[in-house]
Structure formats: structure tokens, C-alpha cells
Amino acid sequence: MTSAETVHRMIDELPPELRQEAVHYIEELARRKKKTAKKKFSLTWAGGLAHLKNSTTSVELQHKAREWRD
């Protein structure tokens, strides 16, 4: 018996008021799974300022970033 069949059988054995609660719980688990999948970190920005390498120092970039934040 597969795990899906086991879960289906277990839900069928519940009283009607608990079936809806079980379905709600499964939906919440699925929602949590989707949320964690969206949080993957990417480094697409890496090297984005490479064109400034020869004309700007890291200290100058830090000062400029502070200006942008303020």
C-alpha cells in the first residue's frame, strides 16, 4: 500500500468533522512547502559592478551605498 493510499484510508476512517480538519492540515503543509521553495537564495547580482572595478574603490562604493540608503 502506498503512502497516499494509507493517508486516504486514514482520512476515510475519521468522523466527518475531523476529515475537514485533516484536509485543512494537509493544505497547510502544502502551503509551507511552497513558501520554503520560494526562499532560495540566488547570487544573480554577483559581479554586477565589475565594470566599476578599475575606476572606483570599494570605499567609494561604500560611501555611495550609504548615500543611496539615506
Protein backbone atom coordinates (compact mmCIF):
# COMPACT_ATOMS: atom_id res chain seq x y z
CA MET A 1 0.00 0.00 0.00
CA THR A 2 1.41 3.41 -0.95
CA SER A 3 1.60 6.30 1.47
CA ALA A 4 -1.13 8.13 -0.49
CA GLU A 5 -3.42 5.12 -0.12
CA THR A 6 -2.63 4.92 3.59
CA VAL A 7 -3.46 8.61 4.11
CA HIS A 8 -6.65 8.25 2.08
CA ARG A 9 -7.74 5.25 4.15
CA MET A 10 -6.95 7.03 7.40
CA ILE A 11 -8.96 10.11 6.37
CA ASP A 12 -11.90 7.93 5.33
CA GLU A 13 -11.92 6.36 8.80
CA LEU A 14 -12.21 9.73 10.55
CA PRO A 15 -15.53 11.18 11.65
CA PRO A 16 -16.84 13.88 9.24
CA GLU A 17 -15.88 16.83 11.49
CA LEU A 18 -12.27 15.61 11.70
CA ARG A 19 -11.99 14.91 7.96
CA GLN A 20 -12.19 18.62 7.17
CA GLU A 21 -9.56 19.34 9.81
CA ALA A 22 -7.27 16.71 8.26
CA VAL A 23 -7.74 18.23 4.80
CA HIS A 24 -7.00 21.69 6.22
CA TYR A 25 -3.81 20.38 7.84
CA ILE A 26 -2.63 18.80 4.59
CA GLU A 27 -3.32 22.04 2.71
CA GLU A 28 -1.29 23.97 5.31
CA LEU A 29 1.62 21.55 4.90
CA ALA A 30 1.49 22.04 1.13
CA ARG A 31 1.45 25.84 1.60
CA ARG A 32 4.50 25.69 3.88
CA LYS A 33 6.34 23.60 1.29
CA LYS A 34 5.66 26.22 -1.39
CA LYS A 35 6.85 29.06 0.88
CA THR A 36 10.18 27.39 1.65
CA ALA A 37 10.78 26.67 -2.01
CA LYS A 38 10.44 30.37 -2.86
CA LYS A 39 13.11 31.42 -0.36
CA LYS A 40 16.08 30.04 -2.23
CA PHE A 41 18.97 32.50 -2.28
CA SER A 42 20.46 33.41 -5.62
CA LEU A 43 23.64 35.23 -6.49
CA THR A 44 22.42 36.77 -9.73
CA TRP A 45 23.72 40.14 -8.56
CA ALA A 46 27.33 38.87 -8.20
CA GLY A 47 29.69 40.75 -10.49
CA GLY A 48 27.08 43.39 -11.20
CA LEU A 49 29.56 46.20 -10.51
CA ALA A 50 32.51 44.64 -12.31
CA HIS A 51 32.50 47.48 -14.83
CA LEU A 52 33.48 49.85 -11.97
CA LYS A 53 36.48 47.75 -10.90
CA ASN A 54 39.15 49.96 -12.47
CA SER A 55 37.52 53.34 -11.81
CA THR A 56 36.09 53.06 -8.28
CA THR A 57 37.43 51.80 -4.96
CA SER A 58 35.45 49.70 -2.52
CA VAL A 59 35.47 52.59 -0.03
CA GLU A 60 33.91 54.89 -2.63
CA LEU A 61 31.24 52.27 -3.31
CA GLN A 62 30.52 52.01 0.43
CA HIS A 63 30.03 55.77 0.64
CA LYS A 64 27.78 55.73 -2.42
CA ALA A 65 25.70 52.86 -0.95
CA ARG A 66 25.27 54.86 2.25
CA GLU A 67 24.02 57.83 0.21
CA TRP A 68 21.50 55.58 -1.57
CA ARG A 69 20.16 54.22 1.74
CA ASP A 70 19.72 57.65 3.33
